[in-house]
Amino acid sequence: LQNAFNNLGKELNVVQRMFGSFAGNFNLTGIGIAALTQRAFALSREIQDMSDAFGISVHRLLEYRAALEMSGVSAENTGKVMASVYQKIAEAQSGVGGSQSLINHLNEMGISLKELVGLKPEDAFKRIAQGIATVEDQYKKAQFTQEFLGRGGKTFGAQSFLDSLTKVTRSEEHTSELQSHSFISYAV
């Protein structure tokens, strides 16, 4: 969620620079707020659409997006990377095309297709990242990353993602705990 707000702040700076030369007759504050509001609604729709498409809660999706960005995936590519992983799992499950190759690569990462299919979408994504992280041969690691995450994942660091996801999740749990303590203190 913090990353979303940071992105909104960046968008506001871009809008301010864009309209800076037209400041004479325009109220930049109104334009900035309107642009910020429009961007916030667009981002909200985008996140809800991704949540619906991937079958992941908005909260969990924001955690995954944050961890992906911390692991080297650009904000623009987070959805593409997640979609690519789910598409590859579906391809392997369908048994068409290069599905046997995908299944073989999953096996090389210590993952069975049966295991993946039994997981929630976010857990399947995390399991693929764990599998990639265990591959010691850097060439194979790059191959598997590219194969499962697509071009958008070329800067993905699997271990970095897993570490970041743990930090983001802990941070969220800590924030919830603090909020609950604050509420209890306030109520007493």
Protein backbone atom coordinates (compact mmCIF):
# COMPACT_ATOMS: atom_id res chain seq x y z
CA LEU A 1 0.00 0.00 0.00
CA GLN A 2 2.90 2.31 0.81
CA ASN A 3 4.34 1.69 -2.65
CA ALA A 4 1.01 2.64 -4.19
CA PHE A 5 1.06 5.94 -2.32
CA ASN A 6 4.70 6.49 -3.30
CA ASN A 7 3.77 5.90 -6.94
CA LEU A 8 0.93 8.38 -6.61
CA GLY A 9 3.37 10.95 -5.23
CA LYS A 10 5.68 10.36 -8.19
CA GLU A 11 2.74 10.81 -10.57
CA LEU A 12 1.86 14.12 -8.91
CA ASN A 13 5.43 15.36 -9.40
CA VAL A 14 5.23 14.44 -13.09
CA VAL A 15 1.93 16.27 -13.47
CA GLN A 16 3.29 19.33 -11.69
CA ARG A 17 6.32 19.46 -14.00
CA MET A 18 4.08 18.94 -17.03
CA PHE A 19 1.83 21.84 -16.20
CA GLY A 20 4.50 24.06 -14.63
CA SER A 21 4.90 26.14 -17.80
CA PHE A 22 1.15 26.78 -17.98
CA ALA A 23 0.86 28.14 -14.44
CA GLY A 24 -0.40 31.56 -15.57
CA ASN A 25 -4.11 30.86 -15.96
CA PHE A 26 -4.36 27.45 -14.29
CA ASN A 27 -4.79 26.61 -10.68
CA LEU A 28 -2.03 24.00 -10.31
CA THR A 29 -3.33 22.83 -6.99
CA GLY A 30 -6.69 21.93 -8.51
CA ILE A 31 -5.05 20.28 -11.52
CA GLY A 32 -2.63 18.38 -9.27
CA ILE A 33 -5.40 17.13 -7.02
CA ALA A 34 -7.55 16.15 -9.97
CA ALA A 35 -4.65 14.28 -11.58
CA LEU A 36 -3.78 12.62 -8.28
CA THR A 37 -7.40 11.58 -7.75
CA GLN A 38 -7.67 10.25 -11.29
CA ARG A 39 -4.43 8.26 -10.88
CA ALA A 40 -5.60 6.91 -7.50
CA PHE A 41 -8.87 5.65 -9.04
CA ALA A 42 -7.01 4.13 -11.99
CA LEU A 43 -4.55 2.37 -9.67
CA SER A 44 -7.41 1.16 -7.50
CA ARG A 45 -9.23 -0.29 -10.54
CA GLU A 46 -6.01 -1.89 -11.79
CA ILE A 47 -5.35 -3.55 -8.44
CA GLN A 48 -8.94 -4.76 -8.09
CA ASP A 49 -8.86 -6.15 -11.64
CA MET A 50 -5.60 -8.00 -10.92
CA SER A 51 -7.02 -9.31 -7.65
CA ASP A 52 -10.09 -10.63 -9.44
CA ALA A 53 -8.09 -12.11 -12.33
CA PHE A 54 -5.54 -13.89 -10.13
CA GLY A 55 -7.92 -14.94 -7.35
CA ILE A 56 -5.81 -13.18 -4.73
CA SER A 57 -7.05 -10.76 -2.09
CA VAL A 58 -6.19 -7.11 -2.67
CA HIS A 59 -4.17 -7.07 0.56
CA ARG A 60 -2.07 -10.08 -0.51
CA LEU A 61 -1.69 -8.71 -4.03
CA LEU A 62 -0.28 -5.44 -2.66
CA GLU A 63 2.20 -7.43 -0.57
CA TYR A 64 3.30 -9.42 -3.63
CA ARG A 65 3.58 -6.29 -5.78
CA ALA A 66 5.74 -4.61 -3.14
CA ALA A 67 7.97 -7.68 -2.81
CA LEU A 68 8.30 -7.99 -6.60
CA GLU A 69 9.32 -4.34 -6.87
CA MET A 70 11.86 -4.79 -4.06
CA SER A 71 13.28 -7.80 -5.90
CA GLY A 72 13.96 -5.88 -9.10
CA VAL A 73 10.72 -6.12 -11.10
CA SER A 74 9.46 -2.76 -12.32
CA ALA A 75 6.04 -1.61 -11.13
CA GLU A 76 4.73 -1.81 -14.70
CA ASN A 77 5.73 -5.46 -14.98
CA THR A 78 4.43 -6.87 -11.69
CA GLY A 79 1.08 -7.87 -13.18
CA LYS A 80 2.70 -9.31 -16.30
CA VAL A 81 5.10 -11.40 -14.22
CA MET A 82 2.33 -12.80 -12.06
CA ALA A 83 0.15 -13.51 -15.11
CA SER A 84 3.04 -15.29 -16.81
CA VAL A 85 3.55 -17.66 -13.88
CA TYR A 86 -0.14 -18.55 -13.75
CA GLN A 87 -0.25 -19.00 -17.53
CA LYS A 88 2.73 -21.37 -17.42
CA ILE A 89 1.11 -23.42 -14.67
CA ALA A 90 -2.09 -23.65 -16.73
CA GLU A 91 -0.06 -24.66 -19.82
CA ALA A 92 1.72 -27.40 -17.91
CA GLN A 93 -1.61 -28.59 -16.54
CA SER A 94 -3.26 -28.64 -19.98
CA GLY A 95 -0.75 -31.05 -21.48
CA VAL A 96 -0.43 -29.17 -24.79
CA GLY A 97 2.45 -27.42 -26.51
CA GLY A 98 5.65 -27.40 -24.50
CA SER A 99 3.93 -28.61 -21.35
CA GLN A 100 6.26 -31.58 -20.90
CA SER A 101 9.23 -29.21 -20.96
CA LEU A 102 7.55 -27.04 -18.30
CA ILE A 103 6.84 -30.11 -16.17
CA ASN A 104 10.47 -31.24 -16.53
CA HIS A 105 11.69 -27.79 -15.46
CA LEU A 106 9.35 -27.81 -12.48
CA ASN A 107 10.75 -31.20 -11.50
CA GLU A 108 14.32 -29.85 -11.82
CA MET A 109 13.31 -27.13 -9.32
CA GLY A 110 11.93 -29.79 -6.96
CA ILE A 111 8.29 -28.95 -7.67
CA SER A 112 5.58 -31.31 -8.88
CA LEU A 113 2.72 -30.07 -11.00
CA LYS A 114 0.31 -31.84 -8.64
CA GLU A 115 1.75 -29.82 -5.75
CA LEU A 116 1.33 -26.51 -7.62
CA VAL A 117 -2.22 -27.22 -8.71
CA GLY A 118 -3.20 -27.88 -5.09
CA LEU A 119 -1.97 -24.47 -3.90
CA LYS A 120 -3.72 -21.12 -3.72
CA PRO A 121 -2.54 -18.82 -6.54
CA GLU A 122 -0.30 -16.69 -4.32
CA ASP A 123 1.25 -19.80 -2.77
CA ALA A 124 1.87 -21.28 -6.23
CA PHE A 125 3.69 -18.09 -7.24
CA LYS A 126 5.75 -18.19 -4.06
CA ARG A 127 6.54 -21.89 -4.63
CA ILE A 128 7.85 -21.13 -8.13
CA ALA A 129 10.08 -18.42 -6.62
CA GLN A 130 11.32 -20.91 -4.01
CA GLY A 131 12.08 -23.41 -6.75
CA ILE A 132 14.01 -20.85 -8.80
CA ALA A 133 15.93 -19.77 -5.69
CA THR A 134 17.16 -23.34 -5.10
CA VAL A 135 18.67 -23.71 -8.58
CA GLU A 136 22.44 -23.41 -8.24
CA ASP A 137 23.36 -23.32 -11.94
CA GLN A 138 23.04 -19.62 -12.84
CA TYR A 139 22.28 -20.37 -16.49
CA LYS A 140 19.42 -22.69 -15.57
CA LYS A 141 18.21 -20.18 -12.98
CA ALA A 142 18.08 -17.49 -15.68
CA GLN A 143 16.34 -19.90 -18.06
CA PHE A 144 13.69 -20.89 -15.51
CA THR A 145 13.14 -17.28 -14.45
CA GLN A 146 12.62 -16.24 -18.06
CA GLU A 147 10.44 -19.24 -18.83
CA PHE A 148 8.07 -18.83 -15.88
CA LEU A 149 8.11 -15.05 -15.33
CA GLY A 150 8.46 -13.91 -18.93
CA ARG A 151 10.43 -10.90 -20.17
CA GLY A 152 9.06 -8.71 -17.39
CA GLY A 153 10.88 -10.88 -14.87
CA LYS A 154 14.35 -10.57 -16.37
CA THR A 155 15.50 -8.52 -13.35
CA PHE A 156 13.70 -10.75 -10.82
CA GLY A 157 15.74 -12.02 -7.91
CA ALA A 158 13.98 -15.06 -6.46
CA GLN A 159 15.69 -15.01 -3.07
CA SER A 160 15.31 -11.25 -2.88
CA PHE A 161 11.58 -11.64 -3.58
CA LEU A 162 11.18 -14.27 -0.85
CA ASP A 163 13.10 -12.14 1.66
CA SER A 164 11.12 -9.04 0.71
CA LEU A 165 7.82 -10.90 0.95
CA THR A 166 8.74 -12.03 4.46
CA LYS A 167 9.61 -8.45 5.44
CA VAL A 168 6.44 -7.01 3.91
CA THR A 169 4.28 -9.66 5.58
CA ARG A 170 5.97 -9.13 8.96
CA SER A 171 5.60 -5.38 8.60
CA GLU A 172 1.88 -5.77 7.88
CA GLU A 173 1.46 -8.12 10.84
CA HIS A 174 3.37 -5.70 13.08
CA THR A 175 1.24 -2.76 11.91
CA SER A 176 -1.96 -4.72 12.56
CA GLU A 177 -0.69 -5.68 16.00
CA LEU A 178 0.15 -2.05 16.81
CA GLN A 179 -3.25 -0.90 15.60
CA SER A 180 -5.00 -3.52 17.69
CA HIS A 181 -2.95 -2.53 20.79
CA SER A 182 -3.70 1.14 20.14
CA PHE A 183 -7.40 0.38 19.86
CA ILE A 184 -7.35 -1.62 23.08
CA SER A 185 -5.43 1.14 24.90
CA TYR A 186 -7.84 3.75 23.59
CA ALA A 187 -10.87 1.67 24.56
CA VAL A 188 -9.57 1.16 28.13
